Amino acid sequence: MLRVLFNLFDGFTIRHLTQRIAMSVMGLGVGLIGIGFLIAAAYEAVADALGTLDASLIFAAVFIVLAIALFGLASFRWNRRPRPMLARARLGVVAEAIALAQTLIRKDPAKAVFAALVLGAITEYTRKRDADHAD
C-alpha cells in the first residue's frame, strides 16, 4: 500500500502539486484584489451620482443583505444535511422496542395490546416528524 502511495506521489508530482496550489492561491488573491477595485469603482460612481453618504448606505445595505442571505443558505443546508448516525440511533431504539414487546408478549400475552399501542404511538410520532421535516 505504501509503495503505491510513494509511486503515486513522487517528488516530481509533489513539486508540481505545490506549484499548482501556490499559483491557485495567488490567483485567488489577485482575483479578490480585482473584485475590491471593482467595488471601489462602483462606489465612486454611485458617490458621484448620489453623494457619499447615500452611496455608503446603499453599499452597506447590499453587503448586509448578501451576508444574511449567505448565513440563511448555510443554515438551510446545515439543517438539511444527511444524518446517518441519527438513522442508526433510531434503528437501535426500534430494535430495543421490538425486543421489549417480544418479552412482554412472552411473559403475559394480555400485555400485547398495550405493547402494540405503545409501538403504534412511537411509529406514528416518528413518521409524523419525518413528514414534517420533509416539507
N, C-alpha and C. Protein backbone atom coordinates (compact mmCIF):
# COMPACT_ATOMS: atom_id res chain seq x y z
N MET A 1 0.82 -1.19 0.00
CA MET A 1 0.00 0.00 0.00
C MET A 1 0.86 1.25 0.00
N LEU A 2 1.88 1.27 0.84
CA LEU A 2 2.76 2.43 0.89
C LEU A 2 3.52 2.60 -0.42
N ARG A 3 3.85 1.49 -1.04
CA ARG A 3 4.57 1.57 -2.31
C ARG A 3 3.72 2.27 -3.37
N VAL A 4 2.41 1.97 -3.37
CA VAL A 4 1.51 2.62 -4.31
C VAL A 4 1.47 4.12 -4.04
N LEU A 5 1.41 4.50 -2.75
CA LEU A 5 1.38 5.92 -2.41
C LEU A 5 2.68 6.61 -2.81
N PHE A 6 3.81 5.94 -2.57
CA PHE A 6 5.08 6.54 -2.95
C PHE A 6 5.19 6.68 -4.46
N ASN A 7 4.69 5.69 -5.20
CA ASN A 7 4.73 5.79 -6.66
C ASN A 7 3.74 6.84 -7.17
N LEU A 8 2.63 7.00 -6.46
CA LEU A 8 1.64 7.98 -6.86
C LEU A 8 2.12 9.40 -6.60
N PHE A 9 2.73 9.60 -5.45
CA PHE A 9 3.21 10.93 -5.07
C PHE A 9 4.73 10.94 -5.00
N ASP A 10 5.36 10.91 -6.13
CA ASP A 10 6.81 11.03 -6.15
C ASP A 10 7.19 12.50 -6.03
N GLY A 11 8.47 12.79 -6.00
CA GLY A 11 8.94 14.16 -5.84
C GLY A 11 8.49 15.08 -6.94
N PHE A 12 8.47 14.58 -8.17
CA PHE A 12 8.06 15.39 -9.32
C PHE A 12 6.60 15.81 -9.19
N THR A 13 5.74 14.86 -8.81
CA THR A 13 4.32 15.15 -8.66
C THR A 13 4.07 16.11 -7.52
N ILE A 14 4.73 15.91 -6.39
CA ILE A 14 4.54 16.79 -5.24
C ILE A 14 5.00 18.21 -5.56
N ARG A 15 6.12 18.35 -6.28
CA ARG A 15 6.61 19.68 -6.64
C ARG A 15 5.60 20.40 -7.53
N HIS A 16 5.06 19.70 -8.51
CA HIS A 16 4.07 20.31 -9.39
C HIS A 16 2.76 20.59 -8.65
N LEU A 17 2.40 19.72 -7.72
CA LEU A 17 1.20 19.94 -6.92
C LEU A 17 1.35 21.18 -6.05
N THR A 18 2.50 21.35 -5.41
CA THR A 18 2.71 22.54 -4.59
C THR A 18 2.74 23.80 -5.45
N GLN A 19 3.32 23.71 -6.64
CA GLN A 19 3.31 24.87 -7.54
C GLN A 19 1.88 25.21 -7.95
N ARG A 20 1.09 24.21 -8.23
CA ARG A 20 -0.30 24.46 -8.63
C ARG A 20 -1.08 25.09 -7.48
N ILE A 21 -0.88 24.59 -6.27
CA ILE A 21 -1.56 25.15 -5.11
C ILE A 21 -1.13 26.59 -4.89
N ALA A 22 0.16 26.87 -4.97
CA ALA A 22 0.66 28.23 -4.78
C ALA A 22 0.11 29.17 -5.84
N MET A 23 0.11 28.73 -7.09
CA MET A 23 -0.41 29.58 -8.16
C MET A 23 -1.92 29.80 -7.99
N SER A 24 -2.65 28.79 -7.54
CA SER A 24 -4.09 28.93 -7.31
C SER A 24 -4.37 29.93 -6.19
N VAL A 25 -3.59 29.87 -5.11
CA VAL A 25 -3.78 30.81 -4.00
C VAL A 25 -3.45 32.22 -4.46
N MET A 26 -2.37 32.38 -5.22
CA MET A 26 -2.03 33.71 -5.72
C MET A 26 -3.10 34.22 -6.68
N GLY A 27 -3.62 33.36 -7.54
CA GLY A 27 -4.69 33.75 -8.44
C GLY A 27 -5.94 34.17 -7.69
N LEU A 28 -6.26 33.44 -6.62
CA LEU A 28 -7.41 33.80 -5.79
C LEU A 28 -7.19 35.17 -5.14
N GLY A 29 -5.99 35.40 -4.65
CA GLY A 29 -5.67 36.70 -4.03
C GLY A 29 -5.78 37.84 -5.03
N VAL A 30 -5.22 37.67 -6.22
CA VAL A 30 -5.30 38.71 -7.24
C VAL A 30 -6.75 38.93 -7.68
N GLY A 31 -7.51 37.86 -7.78
CA GLY A 31 -8.93 37.99 -8.12
C GLY A 31 -9.70 38.77 -7.07
N LEU A 32 -9.41 38.51 -5.80
CA LEU A 32 -10.07 39.25 -4.72
C LEU A 32 -9.68 40.72 -4.74
N ILE A 33 -8.42 41.01 -5.06
CA ILE A 33 -7.99 42.40 -5.18
C ILE A 33 -8.75 43.07 -6.33
N GLY A 34 -8.90 42.38 -7.45
CA GLY A 34 -9.65 42.92 -8.58
C GLY A 34 -11.10 43.19 -8.22
N ILE A 35 -11.72 42.27 -7.49
CA ILE A 35 -13.10 42.48 -7.06
C ILE A 35 -13.18 43.69 -6.12
N GLY A 36 -12.19 43.85 -5.26
CA GLY A 36 -12.16 45.01 -4.38
C GLY A 36 -12.09 46.31 -5.16
N PHE A 37 -11.25 46.35 -6.21
CA PHE A 37 -11.17 47.55 -7.03
C PHE A 37 -12.48 47.80 -7.79
N LEU A 38 -13.13 46.73 -8.25
CA LEU A 38 -14.42 46.91 -8.91
C LEU A 38 -15.47 47.48 -7.96
N ILE A 39 -15.48 47.00 -6.74
CA ILE A 39 -16.41 47.53 -5.75
C ILE A 39 -16.09 48.99 -5.45
N ALA A 40 -14.80 49.31 -5.34
CA ALA A 40 -14.42 50.71 -5.08
C ALA A 40 -14.83 51.61 -6.25
N ALA A 41 -14.65 51.13 -7.47
CA ALA A 41 -15.05 51.93 -8.64
C ALA A 41 -16.56 52.11 -8.67
N ALA A 42 -17.31 51.07 -8.35
CA ALA A 42 -18.77 51.19 -8.31
C ALA A 42 -19.19 52.17 -7.22
N TYR A 43 -18.51 52.10 -6.09
CA TYR A 43 -18.81 53.04 -5.00
C TYR A 43 -18.56 54.48 -5.44
N GLU A 44 -17.42 54.71 -6.11
CA GLU A 44 -17.11 56.07 -6.59
C GLU A 44 -18.16 56.56 -7.58
N ALA A 45 -18.62 55.67 -8.47
CA ALA A 45 -19.63 56.06 -9.45
C ALA A 45 -20.94 56.42 -8.76
N VAL A 46 -21.36 55.61 -7.78
CA VAL A 46 -22.59 55.90 -7.06
C VAL A 46 -22.42 57.15 -6.20
N ALA A 47 -21.23 57.32 -5.62
CA ALA A 47 -20.98 58.51 -4.79
C ALA A 47 -21.03 59.78 -5.64
N ASP A 48 -20.51 59.72 -6.86
CA ASP A 48 -20.58 60.90 -7.75
C ASP A 48 -22.02 61.21 -8.13
N ALA A 49 -22.84 60.18 -8.29
CA ALA A 49 -24.22 60.39 -8.72
C ALA A 49 -25.13 60.80 -7.56
N LEU A 50 -24.96 60.17 -6.39
CA LEU A 50 -25.90 60.39 -5.29
C LEU A 50 -25.31 61.10 -4.08
N GLY A 51 -24.03 61.08 -3.94
CA GLY A 51 -23.39 61.63 -2.75
C GLY A 51 -22.76 60.50 -1.94
N THR A 52 -21.77 60.88 -1.12
CA THR A 52 -21.02 59.84 -0.40
C THR A 52 -21.84 59.15 0.67
N LEU A 53 -22.68 59.89 1.38
CA LEU A 53 -23.49 59.27 2.44
C LEU A 53 -24.47 58.26 1.86
N ASP A 54 -25.17 58.64 0.80
CA ASP A 54 -26.13 57.72 0.18
C ASP A 54 -25.42 56.49 -0.40
N ALA A 55 -24.27 56.71 -1.02
CA ALA A 55 -23.51 55.59 -1.58
C ALA A 55 -23.07 54.63 -0.48
N SER A 56 -22.61 55.18 0.64
CA SER A 56 -22.19 54.32 1.76
C SER A 56 -23.36 53.52 2.30
N LEU A 57 -24.51 54.17 2.43
CA LEU A 57 -25.69 53.46 2.94
C LEU A 57 -26.14 52.37 1.97
N ILE A 58 -26.11 52.64 0.68
CA ILE A 58 -26.52 51.65 -0.31
C ILE A 58 -25.59 50.44 -0.29
N PHE A 59 -24.29 50.71 -0.30
CA PHE A 59 -23.34 49.59 -0.31
C PHE A 59 -23.40 48.80 0.99
N ALA A 60 -23.56 49.47 2.12
CA ALA A 60 -23.69 48.76 3.39
C ALA A 60 -24.93 47.88 3.39
N ALA A 61 -26.05 48.41 2.89
CA ALA A 61 -27.28 47.62 2.86
C ALA A 61 -27.14 46.41 1.94
N VAL A 62 -26.50 46.60 0.79
CA VAL A 62 -26.32 45.47 -0.14
C VAL A 62 -25.46 44.39 0.49
N PHE A 63 -24.37 44.79 1.16
CA PHE A 63 -23.50 43.78 1.78
C PHE A 63 -24.17 43.09 2.96
N ILE A 64 -24.98 43.81 3.71
CA ILE A 64 -25.70 43.18 4.83
C ILE A 64 -26.73 42.19 4.30
N VAL A 65 -27.44 42.55 3.24
CA VAL A 65 -28.42 41.62 2.65
C VAL A 65 -27.72 40.38 2.11
N LEU A 66 -26.57 40.56 1.45
CA LEU A 66 -25.81 39.41 0.97
C LEU A 66 -25.34 38.52 2.12
N ALA A 67 -24.88 39.13 3.20
CA ALA A 67 -24.43 38.35 4.36
C ALA A 67 -25.58 37.56 4.97
N ILE A 68 -26.74 38.20 5.11
CA ILE A 68 -27.90 37.49 5.68
C ILE A 68 -28.33 36.35 4.77
N ALA A 69 -28.29 36.58 3.46
CA ALA A 69 -28.66 35.52 2.52
C ALA A 69 -27.69 34.34 2.61
N LEU A 70 -26.40 34.63 2.71
CA LEU A 70 -25.41 33.55 2.81
C LEU A 70 -25.55 32.79 4.12
N PHE A 71 -25.78 33.51 5.23
CA PHE A 71 -25.99 32.82 6.51
C PHE A 71 -27.25 31.98 6.47
N GLY A 72 -28.31 32.49 5.86
CA GLY A 72 -29.54 31.72 5.74
C GLY A 72 -29.36 30.48 4.90
N LEU A 73 -28.63 30.60 3.79
CA LEU A 73 -28.36 29.44 2.94
C LEU A 73 -27.52 28.41 3.67
N ALA A 74 -26.51 28.88 4.40
CA ALA A 74 -25.67 27.94 5.16
C ALA A 74 -26.48 27.23 6.24
N SER A 75 -27.36 27.95 6.91
CA SER A 75 -28.20 27.34 7.93
C SER A 75 -29.17 26.33 7.32
N PHE A 76 -29.75 26.68 6.18
CA PHE A 76 -30.67 25.77 5.50
C PHE A 76 -29.95 24.49 5.10
N ARG A 77 -28.76 24.63 4.51
CA ARG A 77 -28.00 23.44 4.10
C ARG A 77 -27.56 22.62 5.31
N TRP A 78 -27.23 23.27 6.41
CA TRP A 78 -26.81 22.56 7.62
C TRP A 78 -27.97 21.75 8.19
N ASN A 79 -29.16 22.33 8.19
CA ASN A 79 -30.31 21.62 8.73
C ASN A 79 -30.77 20.49 7.82
N ARG A 80 -30.48 20.56 6.53
CA ARG A 80 -30.89 19.54 5.58
C ARG A 80 -29.81 18.49 5.33
N ARG A 81 -28.70 18.53 6.08
CA ARG A 81 -27.59 17.59 5.85
C ARG A 81 -28.02 16.17 6.22
N PRO A 82 -27.42 15.18 5.59
CA PRO A 82 -27.73 13.79 5.97
C PRO A 82 -27.17 13.49 7.35
N ARG A 83 -27.91 12.71 8.09
CA ARG A 83 -27.51 12.34 9.45
C ARG A 83 -27.53 10.83 9.61
N PRO A 84 -26.50 10.14 9.16
CA PRO A 84 -26.51 8.68 9.24
C PRO A 84 -26.48 8.16 10.68
N MET A 85 -25.83 8.88 11.59
CA MET A 85 -25.79 8.41 12.97
C MET A 85 -27.18 8.48 13.61
N LEU A 86 -27.95 9.49 13.26
CA LEU A 86 -29.30 9.61 13.79
C LEU A 86 -30.18 8.47 13.29
N ALA A 87 -30.01 8.10 12.02
CA ALA A 87 -30.80 7.00 11.47
C ALA A 87 -30.44 5.69 12.18
N ARG A 88 -29.14 5.48 12.42
CA ARG A 88 -28.74 4.26 13.14
C ARG A 88 -29.26 4.26 14.57
N ALA A 89 -29.28 5.43 15.21
CA ALA A 89 -29.79 5.50 16.58
C ALA A 89 -31.29 5.18 16.61
N ARG A 90 -32.01 5.67 15.60
CA ARG A 90 -33.44 5.36 15.53
C ARG A 90 -33.67 3.87 15.34
N LEU A 91 -32.84 3.26 14.49
CA LEU A 91 -32.97 1.81 14.31
C LEU A 91 -32.69 1.06 15.60
N GLY A 92 -31.73 1.54 16.38
CA GLY A 92 -31.44 0.91 17.67
C GLY A 92 -32.61 1.03 18.63
N VAL A 93 -33.25 2.19 18.65
CA VAL A 93 -34.42 2.38 19.51
C VAL A 93 -35.55 1.46 19.08
N VAL A 94 -35.77 1.36 17.78
CA VAL A 94 -36.82 0.48 17.28
C VAL A 94 -36.51 -0.98 17.64
N ALA A 95 -35.25 -1.39 17.51
CA ALA A 95 -34.88 -2.77 17.84
C ALA A 95 -35.11 -3.04 19.32
N GLU A 96 -34.77 -2.09 20.18
CA GLU A 96 -35.00 -2.27 21.61
C GLU A 96 -36.49 -2.32 21.93
N ALA A 97 -37.27 -1.49 21.25
CA ALA A 97 -38.72 -1.52 21.48
C ALA A 97 -39.31 -2.85 21.05
N ILE A 98 -38.83 -3.39 19.94
CA ILE A 98 -39.32 -4.70 19.49
C ILE A 98 -38.92 -5.79 20.46
N ALA A 99 -37.69 -5.73 20.96
CA ALA A 99 -37.25 -6.73 21.95
C ALA A 99 -38.09 -6.63 23.22
N LEU A 100 -38.39 -5.43 23.66
CA LEU A 100 -39.23 -5.25 24.84
C LEU A 100 -40.64 -5.80 24.60
N ALA A 101 -41.17 -5.53 23.41
CA ALA A 101 -42.50 -6.04 23.07
C ALA A 101 -42.52 -7.56 23.07
N GLN A 102 -41.49 -8.18 22.51
CA GLN A 102 -41.43 -9.64 22.49
C GLN A 102 -41.36 -10.20 23.91
N THR A 103 -40.60 -9.54 24.78
CA THR A 103 -40.52 -10.00 26.16
C THR A 103 -41.87 -9.89 26.86
N LEU A 104 -42.55 -8.77 26.64
CA LEU A 104 -43.87 -8.60 27.26
C LEU A 104 -44.86 -9.63 26.75
N ILE A 105 -44.81 -9.93 25.47
CA ILE A 105 -45.76 -10.88 24.89
C ILE A 105 -45.49 -12.28 25.44
N ARG A 106 -44.24 -12.66 25.60
CA ARG A 106 -43.92 -13.99 26.10
C ARG A 106 -44.36 -14.16 27.55
N LYS A 107 -44.14 -13.13 28.36
CA LYS A 107 -44.46 -13.26 29.78
C LYS A 107 -45.96 -13.18 30.04
N ASP A 108 -46.61 -12.25 29.39
CA ASP A 108 -48.06 -12.06 29.62
C ASP A 108 -48.69 -11.62 28.31
N PRO A 109 -49.37 -12.53 27.62
CA PRO A 109 -49.97 -12.17 26.33
C PRO A 109 -51.00 -11.04 26.42
N ALA A 110 -51.56 -10.80 27.60
CA ALA A 110 -52.54 -9.72 27.74
C ALA A 110 -51.89 -8.35 27.57
N LYS A 111 -50.57 -8.27 27.83
CA LYS A 111 -49.87 -7.01 27.67
C LYS A 111 -49.51 -6.72 26.22
N ALA A 112 -49.80 -7.64 25.34
CA ALA A 112 -49.50 -7.45 23.92
C ALA A 112 -50.29 -6.28 23.35
N VAL A 113 -51.50 -6.10 23.82
CA VAL A 113 -52.32 -4.99 23.35
C VAL A 113 -51.68 -3.67 23.76
N PHE A 114 -51.25 -3.59 25.00
CA PHE A 114 -50.59 -2.37 25.48
C PHE A 114 -49.30 -2.11 24.69
N ALA A 115 -48.52 -3.16 24.45
CA ALA A 115 -47.28 -3.00 23.69
C ALA A 115 -47.57 -2.55 22.26
N ALA A 116 -48.63 -3.08 21.67
CA ALA A 116 -48.99 -2.68 20.31
C ALA A 116 -49.39 -1.21 20.27
N LEU A 117 -50.11 -0.75 21.29
CA LEU A 117 -50.50 0.66 21.34
C LEU A 117 -49.27 1.57 21.48
N VAL A 118 -48.34 1.18 22.34
CA VAL A 118 -47.13 1.98 22.53
C VAL A 118 -46.30 2.02 21.26
N LEU A 119 -46.11 0.84 20.64
CA LEU A 119 -45.33 0.81 19.40
C LEU A 119 -46.02 1.57 18.29
N GLY A 120 -47.33 1.50 18.22
CA GLY A 120 -48.06 2.28 17.22
C GLY A 120 -47.91 3.78 17.44
N ALA A 121 -47.94 4.20 18.71
CA ALA A 121 -47.76 5.63 19.01
C ALA A 121 -46.36 6.09 18.65
N ILE A 122 -45.37 5.28 18.96
CA ILE A 122 -43.98 5.62 18.61
C ILE A 122 -43.82 5.71 17.10
N THR A 123 -44.39 4.76 16.40
CA THR A 123 -44.30 4.77 14.94
C THR A 123 -44.98 5.99 14.35
N GLU A 124 -46.17 6.31 14.85
CA GLU A 124 -46.91 7.47 14.36
C GLU A 124 -46.13 8.76 14.63
N TYR A 125 -45.51 8.85 15.81
CA TYR A 125 -44.74 10.04 16.16
C TYR A 125 -43.52 10.21 15.25
N THR A 126 -42.78 9.13 15.02
CA THR A 126 -41.59 9.24 14.17
C THR A 126 -41.96 9.50 12.72
N ARG A 127 -43.03 8.91 12.23
CA ARG A 127 -43.47 9.15 10.85
C ARG A 127 -43.92 10.60 10.67
N LYS A 128 -44.64 11.11 11.67
CA LYS A 128 -45.12 12.48 11.58
C LYS A 128 -43.95 13.45 11.59
N ARG A 129 -42.94 13.21 12.43
CA ARG A 129 -41.77 14.10 12.46
C ARG A 129 -41.00 14.03 11.17
N ASP A 130 -40.87 12.84 10.57
CA ASP A 130 -40.19 12.71 9.28
C ASP A 130 -40.95 13.45 8.19
N ALA A 131 -42.28 13.38 8.22
CA ALA A 131 -43.09 14.07 7.22
C ALA A 131 -42.97 15.59 7.41
N ASP A 132 -42.91 16.06 8.66
CA ASP A 132 -42.77 17.49 8.92
C ASP A 132 -41.43 18.01 8.43
N HIS A 133 -40.36 17.23 8.62
CA HIS A 133 -39.02 17.65 8.17
C HIS A 133 -38.86 17.56 6.67
N ALA A 134 -39.66 16.72 6.01
CA ALA A 134 -39.54 16.59 4.56
C ALA A 134 -40.13 17.79 3.84
N ASP A 135 -41.03 18.52 4.49
CA ASP A 135 -41.67 19.68 3.83
C ASP A 135 -40.74 20.82 3.70
